[in-house]
PDB file of N, CA and C in Angstrom:
ATOM      1  N   UNK A   1       0.843  -1.171   0.000  1.00  0.00           N
ATOM      2  CA  UNK A   1       0.000   0.000   0.000  1.00  0.00           C
ATOM      3  C   UNK A   1       0.895   1.243   0.000  1.00  0.00           C
ATOM      4  N   UNK A   2       0.633   2.136  -0.932  1.00  0.00           N
ATOM      5  CA  UNK A   2       1.384   3.387  -1.030  1.00  0.00           C
ATOM      6  C   UNK A   2       1.006   4.305   0.131  1.00  0.00           C
ATOM      7  N   UNK A   3       2.024   4.741   0.894  1.00  0.00           N
ATOM      8  CA  UNK A   3       1.791   5.675   1.995  1.00  0.00           C
ATOM      9  C   UNK A   3       1.955   7.119   1.548  1.00  0.00           C
ATOM     10  N   UNK A   4       2.710   7.338   0.460  1.00  0.00           N
ATOM     11  CA  UNK A   4       2.867   8.687  -0.072  1.00  0.00           C
ATOM     12  C   UNK A   4       4.293   9.016  -0.445  1.00  0.00           C
ATOM     13  N   UNK A   5       4.485  10.284  -0.814  1.00  0.00           N
ATOM     14  CA  UNK A   5       5.808  10.808  -1.177  1.00  0.00           C
ATOM     15  C   UNK A   5       6.495  11.308   0.089  1.00  0.00           C
ATOM     16  N   UNK A   6       7.736  10.880   0.276  1.00  0.00           N
ATOM     17  CA  UNK A   6       8.525  11.249   1.446  1.00  0.00           C
ATOM     18  C   UNK A   6       9.900  11.714   0.991  1.00  0.00           C
ATOM     19  N   UNK A   7      10.629  12.343   1.923  1.00  0.00           N
ATOM     20  CA  UNK A   7      12.036  12.663   1.683  1.00  0.00           C
ATOM     21  C   UNK A   7      12.819  12.289   2.919  1.00  0.00           C
ATOM     22  N   UNK A   8      14.091  11.994   2.722  1.00  0.00           N
ATOM     23  CA  UNK A   8      14.940  11.616   3.838  1.00  0.00           C
ATOM     24  C   UNK A   8      15.138  12.802   4.776  1.00  0.00           C
ATOM     25  N   UNK A   9      15.264  12.522   6.063  1.00  0.00           N
ATOM     26  CA  UNK A   9      15.555  13.571   7.046  1.00  0.00           C
ATOM     27  C   UNK A   9      17.012  13.992   6.899  1.00  0.00           C
ATOM     28  N   UNK A  10      17.886  13.017   6.666  1.00  0.00           N
ATOM     29  CA  UNK A  10      19.300  13.322   6.442  1.00  0.00           C
ATOM     30  C   UNK A  10      19.596  13.299   4.950  1.00  0.00           C
ATOM     31  N   UNK A  11      20.667  13.936   4.588  1.00  0.00           N
ATOM     32  CA  UNK A  11      21.132  13.906   3.199  1.00  0.00           C
ATOM     33  C   UNK A  11      21.942  12.633   2.966  1.00  0.00           C
ATOM     34  N   UNK A  12      21.836  12.094   1.761  1.00  0.00           N
ATOM     35  CA  UNK A  12      22.604  10.915   1.371  1.00  0.00           C
ATOM     36  C   UNK A  12      23.118  11.114  -0.046  1.00  0.00           C
ATOM     37  N   UNK A  13      24.283  10.535  -0.380  1.00  0.00           N
ATOM     38  CA  UNK A  13      24.756  10.581  -1.763  1.00  0.00           C
ATOM     39  C   UNK A  13      24.040   9.531  -2.610  1.00  0.00           C
ATOM     40  N   UNK A  14      23.639   9.947  -3.814  1.00  0.00           N
ATOM     41  CA  UNK A  14      23.009   9.036  -4.779  1.00  0.00           C
ATOM     42  C   UNK A  14      23.612   9.335  -6.148  1.00  0.00           C
ATOM     43  N   UNK A  15      23.959   8.277  -6.866  1.00  0.00           N
ATOM     44  CA  UNK A  15      24.553   8.399  -8.197  1.00  0.00           C
ATOM     45  C   UNK A  15      23.928   7.359  -9.119  1.00  0.00           C
ATOM     46  N   UNK A  16      24.203   7.499 -10.384  1.00  0.00           N
ATOM     47  CA  UNK A  16      23.923   6.437 -11.354  1.00  0.00           C
ATOM     48  C   UNK A  16      25.259   5.749 -11.589  1.00  0.00           C
ATOM     49  N   UNK A  17      25.276   4.415 -11.455  1.00  0.00           N
ATOM     50  CA  UNK A  17      26.551   3.704 -11.541  1.00  0.00           C
ATOM     51  C   UNK A  17      26.345   2.279 -12.023  1.00  0.00           C
ATOM     52  N   UNK A  18      27.464   1.662 -12.357  1.00  0.00           N
ATOM     53  CA  UNK A  18      27.484   0.253 -12.731  1.00  0.00           C
ATOM     54  C   UNK A  18      27.064  -0.013 -14.161  1.00  0.00           C
ATOM     55  N   UNK A  19      27.182  -1.249 -14.582  1.00  0.00           N
ATOM     56  CA  UNK A  19      26.897  -1.605 -15.975  1.00  0.00           C
ATOM     57  C   UNK A  19      25.419  -1.468 -16.353  1.00  0.00           C
ATOM     58  N   UNK A  20      24.528  -1.427 -15.340  1.00  0.00           N
ATOM     59  CA  UNK A  20      23.097  -1.348 -15.625  1.00  0.00           C
ATOM     60  C   UNK A  20      22.560   0.071 -15.458  1.00  0.00           C
ATOM     61  N   UNK A  21      23.457   1.040 -15.230  1.00  0.00           N
ATOM     62  CA  UNK A  21      23.049   2.444 -15.052  1.00  0.00           C
ATOM     63  C   UNK A  21      21.995   2.576 -13.945  1.00  0.00           C
ATOM     64  N   UNK A  22      22.259   1.902 -12.831  1.00  0.00           N
ATOM     65  CA  UNK A  22      21.311   1.864 -11.723  1.00  0.00           C
ATOM     66  C   UNK A  22      21.508   3.046 -10.770  1.00  0.00           C
ATOM     67  N   UNK A  23      20.406   3.553 -10.215  1.00  0.00           N
ATOM     68  CA  UNK A  23      20.555   4.558  -9.155  1.00  0.00           C
ATOM     69  C   UNK A  23      21.039   3.849  -7.895  1.00  0.00           C
ATOM     70  N   UNK A  24      22.066   4.400  -7.263  1.00  0.00           N
ATOM     71  CA  UNK A  24      22.626   3.807  -6.051  1.00  0.00           C
ATOM     72  C   UNK A  24      22.748   4.875  -4.981  1.00  0.00           C
ATOM     73  N   UNK A  25      22.328   4.522  -3.767  1.00  0.00           N
ATOM     74  CA  UNK A  25      22.450   5.432  -2.632  1.00  0.00           C
ATOM     75  C   UNK A  25      23.448   4.809  -1.666  1.00  0.00           C
ATOM     76  N   UNK A  26      24.304   5.654  -1.097  1.00  0.00           N
ATOM     77  CA  UNK A  26      25.332   5.195  -0.169  1.00  0.00           C
ATOM     78  C   UNK A  26      24.971   5.589   1.258  1.00  0.00           C
ATOM     79  N   UNK A  27      25.292   4.731   2.215  1.00  0.00           N
ATOM     80  CA  UNK A  27      25.006   4.998   3.618  1.00  0.00           C
ATOM     81  C   UNK A  27      26.065   5.934   4.194  1.00  0.00           C
ATOM     82  N   UNK A  28      26.006   7.165   3.741  1.00  0.00           N
ATOM     83  CA  UNK A  28      26.918   8.215   4.188  1.00  0.00           C
ATOM     84  C   UNK A  28      26.079   9.437   4.554  1.00  0.00           C
ATOM     85  N   UNK A  29      25.396   9.384   5.715  1.00  0.00           N
ATOM     86  CA  UNK A  29      24.531  10.496   6.115  1.00  0.00           C
ATOM     87  C   UNK A  29      25.283  11.824   6.141  1.00  0.00           C
ATOM     88  N   UNK A  30      24.543  12.890   5.863  1.00  0.00           N
ATOM     89  CA  UNK A  30      25.044  14.274   5.860  1.00  0.00           C
ATOM     90  C   UNK A  30      25.881  14.593   4.637  1.00  0.00           C
ATOM     91  N   UNK A  31      25.908  13.707   3.662  1.00  0.00           N
ATOM     92  CA  UNK A  31      26.659  13.939   2.429  1.00  0.00           C
ATOM     93  C   UNK A  31      25.673  13.791   1.271  1.00  0.00           C
ATOM     94  N   UNK A  32      25.668  14.716   0.349  1.00  0.00           N
ATOM     95  CA  UNK A  32      24.782  14.588  -0.804  1.00  0.00           C
ATOM     96  C   UNK A  32      23.530  15.434  -0.677  1.00  0.00           C
ATOM     97  N   UNK A  33      22.388  14.839  -1.037  1.00  0.00           N
ATOM     98  CA  UNK A  33      21.114  15.559  -1.098  1.00  0.00           C
ATOM     99  C   UNK A  33      20.051  14.835  -0.278  1.00  0.00           C
ATOM    100  N   UNK A  34      18.959  15.548   0.016  1.00  0.00           N
ATOM    101  CA  UNK A  34      17.784  14.874   0.555  1.00  0.00           C
ATOM    102  C   UNK A  34      17.212  14.042  -0.579  1.00  0.00           C
ATOM    103  N   UNK A  35      16.851  12.819  -0.289  1.00  0.00           N
ATOM    104  CA  UNK A  35      16.342  11.892  -1.301  1.00  0.00           C
ATOM    105  C   UNK A  35      14.824  11.812  -1.171  1.00  0.00           C
ATOM    106  N   UNK A  36      14.142  12.017  -2.277  1.00  0.00           N
ATOM    107  CA  UNK A  36      12.685  11.968  -2.309  1.00  0.00           C
ATOM    108  C   UNK A  36      12.246  10.696  -3.016  1.00  0.00           C
ATOM    109  N   UNK A  37      11.177  10.081  -2.494  1.00  0.00           N
ATOM    110  CA  UNK A  37      10.654   8.883  -3.132  1.00  0.00           C
ATOM    111  C   UNK A  37       9.373   8.431  -2.468  1.00  0.00           C
ATOM    112  N   UNK A  38       8.828   7.361  -2.986  1.00  0.00           N
ATOM    113  CA  UNK A  38       7.580   6.815  -2.454  1.00  0.00           C
ATOM    114  C   UNK A  38       7.884   5.846  -1.314  1.00  0.00           C
ATOM    115  N   UNK A  39       7.000   5.827  -0.315  1.00  0.00           N
ATOM    116  CA  UNK A  39       7.100   4.886   0.794  1.00  0.00           C
ATOM    117  C   UNK A  39       5.866   3.990   0.742  1.00  0.00           C
ATOM    118  N   UNK A  40       6.111   2.688   0.864  1.00  0.00           N
ATOM    119  CA  UNK A  40       5.048   1.684   0.818  1.00  0.00           C
ATOM    120  C   UNK A  40       5.038   0.864   2.096  1.00  0.00           C
ATOM    121  N   UNK A  41       3.878   0.380   2.483  1.00  0.00           N
ATOM    122  CA  UNK A  41       3.754  -0.648   3.521  1.00  0.00           C
ATOM    123  C   UNK A  41       3.588  -1.957   2.760  1.00  0.00           C
ATOM    124  N   UNK A  42       4.475  -2.921   3.033  1.00  0.00           N
ATOM    125  CA  UNK A  42       4.430  -4.193   2.314  1.00  0.00           C
ATOM    126  C   UNK A  42       4.500  -5.359   3.299  1.00  0.00           C
ATOM    127  N   UNK A  43       4.136  -6.542   2.824  1.00  0.00           N
ATOM    128  CA  UNK A  43       4.192  -7.733   3.659  1.00  0.00           C
ATOM    129  C   UNK A  43       5.566  -8.399   3.547  1.00  0.00           C
ATOM    130  N   UNK A  44       5.823  -9.363   4.422  1.00  0.00           N
ATOM    131  CA  UNK A  44       7.126 -10.026   4.485  1.00  0.00           C
ATOM    132  C   UNK A  44       7.525 -10.716   3.178  1.00  0.00           C
ATOM    133  N   UNK A  45       6.624 -11.440   2.492  1.00  0.00           N
ATOM    134  CA  UNK A  45       7.032 -12.067   1.224  1.00  0.00           C
ATOM    135  C   UNK A  45       7.474 -11.042   0.169  1.00  0.00           C
ATOM    136  N   UNK A  46       6.790  -9.918   0.094  1.00  0.00           N
ATOM    137  CA  UNK A  46       7.179  -8.897  -0.880  1.00  0.00           C
ATOM    138  C   UNK A  46       8.526  -8.282  -0.504  1.00  0.00           C
ATOM    139  N   UNK A  47       8.767  -8.088   0.803  1.00  0.00           N
ATOM    140  CA  UNK A  47      10.054  -7.564   1.257  1.00  0.00           C
ATOM    141  C   UNK A  47      11.178  -8.524   0.884  1.00  0.00           C
ATOM    142  N   UNK A  48      10.937  -9.820   1.007  1.00  0.00           N
ATOM    143  CA  UNK A  48      11.941 -10.811   0.624  1.00  0.00           C
ATOM    144  C   UNK A  48      12.239 -10.755  -0.874  1.00  0.00           C
ATOM    145  N   UNK A  49      11.212 -10.541  -1.691  1.00  0.00           N
ATOM    146  CA  UNK A  49      11.435 -10.425  -3.145  1.00  0.00           C
ATOM    147  C   UNK A  49      12.259  -9.176  -3.457  1.00  0.00           C
ATOM    148  N   UNK A  50      11.958  -8.069  -2.791  1.00  0.00           N
ATOM    149  CA  UNK A  50      12.749  -6.847  -2.988  1.00  0.00           C
ATOM    150  C   UNK A  50      14.191  -7.055  -2.540  1.00  0.00           C
ATOM    151  N   UNK A  51      14.380  -7.753  -1.415  1.00  0.00           N
ATOM    152  CA  UNK A  51      15.732  -8.039  -0.945  1.00  0.00           C
ATOM    153  C   UNK A  51      16.529  -8.803  -1.994  1.00  0.00           C
ATOM    154  N   UNK A  52      15.906  -9.796  -2.631  1.00  0.00           N
ATOM    155  CA  UNK A  52      16.595 -10.558  -3.684  1.00  0.00           C
ATOM    156  C   UNK A  52      16.912  -9.653  -4.875  1.00  0.00           C
ATOM    157  N   UNK A  53      15.954  -8.834  -5.283  1.00  0.00           N
ATOM    158  CA  UNK A  53      16.160  -7.921  -6.404  1.00  0.00           C
ATOM    159  C   UNK A  53      17.307  -6.947  -6.122  1.00  0.00           C
ATOM    160  N   UNK A  54      17.445  -6.543  -4.872  1.00  0.00           N
ATOM    161  CA  UNK A  54      18.494  -5.591  -4.476  1.00  0.00           C
ATOM    162  C   UNK A  54      19.789  -6.286  -4.055  1.00  0.00           C
ATOM    163  N   UNK A  55      19.869  -7.598  -4.257  1.00  0.00           N
ATOM    164  CA  UNK A  55      21.063  -8.399  -3.958  1.00  0.00           C
ATOM    165  C   UNK A  55      21.454  -8.359  -2.483  1.00  0.00           C
ATOM    166  N   UNK A  56      20.474  -8.213  -1.600  1.00  0.00           N
ATOM    167  CA  UNK A  56      20.753  -8.213  -0.169  1.00  0.00           C
ATOM    168  C   UNK A  56      21.395  -9.535   0.220  1.00  0.00           C
ATOM    169  N   UNK A  57      22.427  -9.483   1.017  1.00  0.00           N
ATOM    170  CA  UNK A  57      23.168 -10.677   1.405  1.00  0.00           C
ATOM    171  C   UNK A  57      24.466 -10.827   0.643  1.00  0.00           C
ATOM    172  N   UNK A  58      24.568 -10.174  -0.514  1.00  0.00           N
ATOM    173  CA  UNK A  58      25.824 -10.164  -1.255  1.00  0.00           C
ATOM    174  C   UNK A  58      26.655  -8.988  -0.757  1.00  0.00           C
ATOM    175  N   UNK A  59      27.981  -9.114  -0.769  1.00  0.00           N
ATOM    176  CA  UNK A  59      28.829  -8.025  -0.269  1.00  0.00           C
ATOM    177  C   UNK A  59      28.496  -6.684  -0.929  1.00  0.00           C
ATOM    178  N   UNK A  60      28.430  -5.654  -0.098  1.00  0.00           N
ATOM    179  CA  UNK A  60      28.216  -4.299  -0.597  1.00  0.00           C
ATOM    180  C   UNK A  60      26.770  -3.894  -0.777  1.00  0.00           C
ATOM    181  N   UNK A  61      25.814  -4.740  -0.379  1.00  0.00           N
ATOM    182  CA  UNK A  61      24.387  -4.459  -0.530  1.00  0.00           C
ATOM    183  C   UNK A  61      23.719  -4.477   0.842  1.00  0.00           C
ATOM    184  N   UNK A  62      23.001  -3.403   1.171  1.00  0.00           N
ATOM    185  CA  UNK A  62      22.453  -3.243   2.518  1.00  0.00           C
ATOM    186  C   UNK A  62      21.001  -2.768   2.474  1.00  0.00           C
ATOM    187  N   UNK A  63      20.242  -3.128   3.501  1.00  0.00           N
ATOM    188  CA  UNK A  63      18.921  -2.543   3.745  1.00  0.00           C
ATOM    189  C   UNK A  63      19.026  -1.853   5.097  1.00  0.00           C
ATOM    190  N   UNK A  64      18.818  -0.539   5.119  1.00  0.00           N
ATOM    191  CA  UNK A  64      19.019   0.284   6.307  1.00  0.00           C
ATOM    192  C   UNK A  64      17.702   0.966   6.671  1.00  0.00           C
ATOM    193  N   UNK A  65      17.380   1.033   7.951  1.00  0.00           N
ATOM    194  CA  UNK A  65      16.226   1.809   8.411  1.00  0.00           C
ATOM    195  C   UNK A  65      16.659   3.265   8.562  1.00  0.00           C
ATOM    196  N   UNK A  66      15.933   4.159   7.902  1.00  0.00           N
ATOM    197  CA  UNK A  66      16.243   5.591   7.966  1.00  0.00           C
ATOM    198  C   UNK A  66      14.986   6.377   8.315  1.00  0.00           C
ATOM    199  N   UNK A  67      15.172   7.623   8.709  1.00  0.00           N
ATOM    200  CA  UNK A  67      14.057   8.509   9.021  1.00  0.00           C
ATOM    201  C   UNK A  67      13.643   9.250   7.748  1.00  0.00           C
ATOM    202  N   UNK A  68      12.327   9.277   7.495  1.00  0.00           N
ATOM    203  CA  UNK A  68      11.782  10.012   6.355  1.00  0.00           C
ATOM    204  C   UNK A  68      10.602  10.855   6.825  1.00  0.00           C
ATOM    205  N   UNK A  69      10.341  11.924   6.089  1.00  0.00           N
ATOM    206  CA  UNK A  69       9.250  12.834   6.435  1.00  0.00           C
ATOM    207  C   UNK A  69       8.371  13.019   5.196  1.00  0.00           C
ATOM    208  N   UNK A  70       7.048  13.045   5.357  1.00  0.00           N
ATOM    209  CA  UNK A  70       6.178  13.211   4.183  1.00  0.00           C
ATOM    210  C   UNK A  70       6.357  14.586   3.540  1.00  0.00           C
ATOM    211  N   UNK A  71       6.213  14.636   2.217  1.00  0.00           N
ATOM    212  CA  UNK A  71       6.280  15.924   1.521  1.00  0.00           C
ATOM    213  C   UNK A  71       5.078  16.786   1.877  1.00  0.00           C
ATOM    214  N   UNK A  72       3.952  16.134   2.130  1.00  0.00           N
ATOM    215  CA  UNK A  72       2.782  16.856   2.629  1.00  0.00           C
ATOM    216  C   UNK A  72       2.844  16.801   4.156  1.00  0.00           C
ATOM    217  N   UNK A  73       1.860  17.301   4.815  1.00  0.00           N
ATOM    218  CA  UNK A  73       1.833  17.339   6.275  1.00  0.00           C
ATOM    219  C   UNK A  73       1.905  15.932   6.860  1.00  0.00           C
ATOM    220  N   UNK A  74       2.666  15.771   7.946  1.00  0.00           N
ATOM    221  CA  UNK A  74       2.733  14.487   8.626  1.00  0.00           C
ATOM    222  C   UNK A  74       3.979  14.366   9.469  1.00  0.00           C
ATOM    223  N   UNK A  75       4.054  13.254  10.196  1.00  0.00           N
ATOM    224  CA  UNK A  75       5.162  13.032  11.102  1.00  0.00           C
ATOM    225  C   UNK A  75       6.248  12.178  10.463  1.00  0.00           C
ATOM    226  N   UNK A  76       7.436  12.312  11.004  1.00  0.00           N
ATOM    227  CA  UNK A  76       8.576  11.516  10.587  1.00  0.00           C
ATOM    228  C   UNK A  76       8.322  10.044  10.916  1.00  0.00           C
ATOM    229  N   UNK A  77       8.697   9.164   9.991  1.00  0.00           N
ATOM    230  CA  UNK A  77       8.585   7.723  10.208  1.00  0.00           C
ATOM    231  C   UNK A  77       9.909   7.065   9.823  1.00  0.00           C
ATOM    232  N   UNK A  78      10.075   5.814  10.229  1.00  0.00           N
ATOM    233  CA  UNK A  78      11.244   5.036   9.811  1.00  0.00           C
ATOM    234  C   UNK A  78      10.833   4.159   8.633  1.00  0.00           C
ATOM    235  N   UNK A  79      11.706   4.097   7.659  1.00  0.00           N
ATOM    236  CA  UNK A  79      11.456   3.278   6.468  1.00  0.00           C
ATOM    237  C   UNK A  79      12.762   2.614   6.062  1.00  0.00           C
ATOM    238  N   UNK A  80      12.646   1.504   5.359  1.00  0.00           N
ATOM    239  CA  UNK A  80      13.840   0.845   4.841  1.00  0.00           C
ATOM    240  C   UNK A  80      14.281   1.521   3.547  1.00  0.00           C
ATOM    241  N   UNK A  81      15.599   1.604   3.388  1.00  0.00           N
ATOM    242  CA  UNK A  81      16.198   2.081   2.143  1.00  0.00           C
ATOM    243  C   UNK A  81      17.299   1.099   1.762  1.00  0.00           C
ATOM    244  N   UNK A  82      17.412   0.814   0.491  1.00  0.00           N
ATOM    245  CA  UNK A  82      18.483  -0.054   0.009  1.00  0.00           C
ATOM    246  C   UNK A  82      19.675   0.812  -0.343  1.00  0.00           C
ATOM    247  N   UNK A  83      20.831   0.419   0.153  1.00  0.00           N
ATOM    248  CA  UNK A  83      22.058   1.179  -0.072  1.00  0.00           C
ATOM    249  C   UNK A  83      23.139   0.251  -0.592  1.00  0.00           C
ATOM    250  N   UNK A  84      24.105   0.845  -1.257  1.00  0.00           N
ATOM    251  CA  UNK A  84      25.222   0.094  -1.826  1.00  0.00           C
ATOM    252  C   UNK A  84      26.528   0.607  -1.239  1.00  0.00           C
ATOM    253  N   UNK A  85      27.542  -0.218  -1.306  1.00  0.00           N
ATOM    254  CA  UNK A  85      28.888   0.183  -0.936  1.00  0.00           C
ATOM    255  C   UNK A  85      29.538   0.860  -2.135  1.00  0.00           C
ATOM    256  N   UNK A  86      30.327   1.875  -1.878  1.00  0.00           N
ATOM    257  CA  UNK A  86      31.053   2.528  -2.982  1.00  0.00           C
ATOM    258  C   UNK A  86      31.996   1.550  -3.682  1.00  0.00           C
ATOM    259  N   UNK A  87      32.406   0.494  -2.978  1.00  0.00           N
ATOM    260  CA  UNK A  87      33.289  -0.505  -3.593  1.00  0.00           C
ATOM    261  C   UNK A  87      32.666  -1.137  -4.832  1.00  0.00           C
ATOM    262  N   UNK A  88      31.339  -1.181  -4.905  1.00  0.00           N
ATOM    263  CA  UNK A  88      30.652  -1.774  -6.057  1.00  0.00           C
ATOM    264  C   UNK A  88      30.703  -0.871  -7.285  1.00  0.00           C
ATOM    265  N   UNK A  89      31.099   0.374  -7.109  1.00  0.00           N
ATOM    266  CA  UNK A  89      31.010   1.343  -8.204  1.00  0.00           C
ATOM    267  C   UNK A  89      32.347   1.908  -8.639  1.00  0.00           C
ATOM    268  N   UNK A  90      33.435   1.362  -8.168  1.00  0.00           N
ATOM    269  CA  UNK A  90      34.751   1.915  -8.479  1.00  0.00           C
ATOM    270  C   UNK A  90      34.915   2.053  -9.990  1.00  0.00           C
ATOM    271  N   UNK A  91      35.150   3.279 -10.431  1.00  0.00           N
ATOM    272  CA  UNK A  91      35.383   3.553 -11.843  1.00  0.00           C
ATOM    273  C   UNK A  91      34.166   3.432 -12.733  1.00  0.00           C
ATOM    274  N   UNK A  92      32.975   3.317 -12.164  1.00  0.00           N
ATOM    275  CA  UNK A  92      31.794   3.083 -12.994  1.00  0.00           C
ATOM    276  C   UNK A  92      30.672   4.087 -12.729  1.00  0.00           C
ATOM    277  N   UNK A  93      31.027   5.332 -12.379  1.00  0.00           N
ATOM    278  CA  UNK A  93      29.999   6.350 -12.164  1.00  0.00           C
ATOM    279  C   UNK A  93      29.539   6.906 -13.512  1.00  0.00           C
ATOM    280  N   UNK A  94      28.239   7.153 -13.629  1.00  0.00           N
ATOM    281  CA  UNK A  94      27.679   7.740 -14.836  1.00  0.00           C
ATOM    282  C   UNK A  94      27.028   9.089 -14.547  1.00  0.00           C
ATOM    283  N   UNK A  95      27.192   9.584 -13.302  1.00  0.00           N
ATOM    284  CA  UNK A  95      26.603  10.870 -12.936  1.00  0.00           C
ATOM    285  C   UNK A  95      27.359  11.458 -11.758  1.00  0.00           C
ATOM    286  N   UNK A  96      27.106  12.724 -11.495  1.00  0.00           N
ATOM    287  CA  UNK A  96      27.525  13.335 -10.242  1.00  0.00           C
ATOM    288  C   UNK A  96      26.482  12.967  -9.201  1.00  0.00           C
ATOM    289  N   UNK A  97      26.580  13.557  -7.999  1.00  0.00           N
ATOM    290  CA  UNK A  97      25.551  13.330  -6.987  1.00  0.00           C
ATOM    291  C   UNK A  97      24.223  13.856  -7.494  1.00  0.00           C
ATOM    292  N   UNK A  98      23.166  13.056  -7.339  1.00  0.00           N
ATOM    293  CA  UNK A  98      21.852  13.397  -7.873  1.00  0.00           C
ATOM    294  C   UNK A  98      20.908  13.868  -6.783  1.00  0.00           C
ATOM    295  N   UNK A  99      20.200  14.939  -7.062  1.00  0.00           N
ATOM    296  CA  UNK A  99      19.130  15.381  -6.174  1.00  0.00           C
ATOM    297  C   UNK A  99      17.839  14.646  -6.497  1.00  0.00           C
ATOM    298  N   UNK A 100      17.608  14.391  -7.781  1.00  0.00           N
ATOM    299  CA  UNK A 100      16.445  13.614  -8.205  1.00  0.00           C
ATOM    300  C   UNK A 100      16.920  12.602  -9.242  1.00  0.00           C
ATOM    301  N   UNK A 101      16.155  11.530  -9.385  1.00  0.00           N
ATOM    302  CA  UNK A 101      16.516  10.482 -10.334  1.00  0.00           C
ATOM    303  C   UNK A 101      15.535  10.483 -11.484  1.00  0.00           C
ATOM    304  N   UNK A 102      16.016  10.930 -12.614  1.00  0.00           N
ATOM    305  CA  UNK A 102      15.227  10.912 -13.847  1.00  0.00           C
ATOM    306  C   UNK A 102      16.178  10.552 -14.975  1.00  0.00           C
ATOM    307  N   UNK A 103      16.323   9.270 -15.201  1.00  0.00           N
ATOM    308  CA  UNK A 103      17.273   8.797 -16.191  1.00  0.00           C
ATOM    309  C   UNK A 103      16.674   7.584 -16.875  1.00  0.00           C
ATOM    310  N   UNK A 104      16.702   7.553 -18.184  1.00  0.00           N
ATOM    311  CA  UNK A 104      16.082   6.449 -18.912  1.00  0.00           C
ATOM    312  C   UNK A 104      17.081   5.382 -19.356  1.00  0.00           C
ATOM    313  N   UNK A 105      18.311   5.436 -18.844  1.00  0.00           N
ATOM    314  CA  UNK A 105      19.321   4.462 -19.246  1.00  0.00           C
ATOM    315  C   UNK A 105      19.311   3.196 -18.402  1.00  0.00           C
ATOM    316  N   UNK A 106      18.567   3.169 -17.276  1.00  0.00           N
ATOM    317  CA  UNK A 106      18.544   1.999 -16.393  1.00  0.00           C
ATOM    318  C   UNK A 106      18.135   0.760 -17.172  1.00  0.00           C
ATOM    319  N   UNK A 107      18.877  -0.324 -16.982  1.00  0.00           N
ATOM    320  CA  UNK A 107      18.588  -1.610 -17.643  1.00  0.00           C
ATOM    321  C   UNK A 107      17.885  -2.497 -16.611  1.00  0.00           C
ATOM    322  N   UNK A 108      16.599  -2.716 -16.798  1.00  0.00           N
ATOM    323  CA  UNK A 108      15.803  -3.523 -15.869  1.00  0.00           C
ATOM    324  C   UNK A 108      16.312  -4.961 -15.848  1.00  0.00           C
ATOM    325  N   UNK A 109      16.148  -5.662 -14.703  1.00  0.00           N
ATOM    326  CA  UNK A 109      16.656  -7.028 -14.597  1.00  0.00           C
ATOM    327  C   UNK A 109      16.160  -7.965 -15.699  1.00  0.00           C
ATOM    328  N   UNK A 110      14.932  -7.824 -16.148  1.00  0.00           N
ATOM    329  CA  UNK A 110      14.385  -8.706 -17.181  1.00  0.00           C
ATOM    330  C   UNK A 110      14.912  -8.374 -18.571  1.00  0.00           C
ATOM    331  N   UNK A 111      15.704  -7.276 -18.701  1.00  0.00           N
ATOM    332  CA  UNK A 111      16.314  -6.919 -19.999  1.00  0.00           C
ATOM    333  C   UNK A 111      17.809  -7.177 -20.027  1.00  0.00           C
ATOM    334  N   UNK A 112      18.363  -7.745 -18.957  1.00  0.00           N
ATOM    335  CA  UNK A 112      19.832  -7.942 -18.877  1.00  0.00           C
ATOM    336  C   UNK A 112      20.271  -9.221 -19.540  1.00  0.00           C
TER     337      UNK A 112
END
């Protein structure tokens, strides 16, 4: 269930990187930009599918609980965010730090 549009309370670095031109966020609070995106309430099986899609469990891939605030009126909540290690992107950046993600070069998993 979609809860709405939120933004991170802290700033994080986000880039486009890797062979699939994927957006990647790094767990480096206070560096980069506030990240805006949708927050969903999901069940455990769906969370497990997202974890697999995000390669959770493989080195350099993390799911972190962070504080987010709604763009409209509301209180701060904790939400999961998927983050990557910079080690996964050495020499493979395709952008500077991004405030918003609007790029059509991403290669979806079913097209790889």
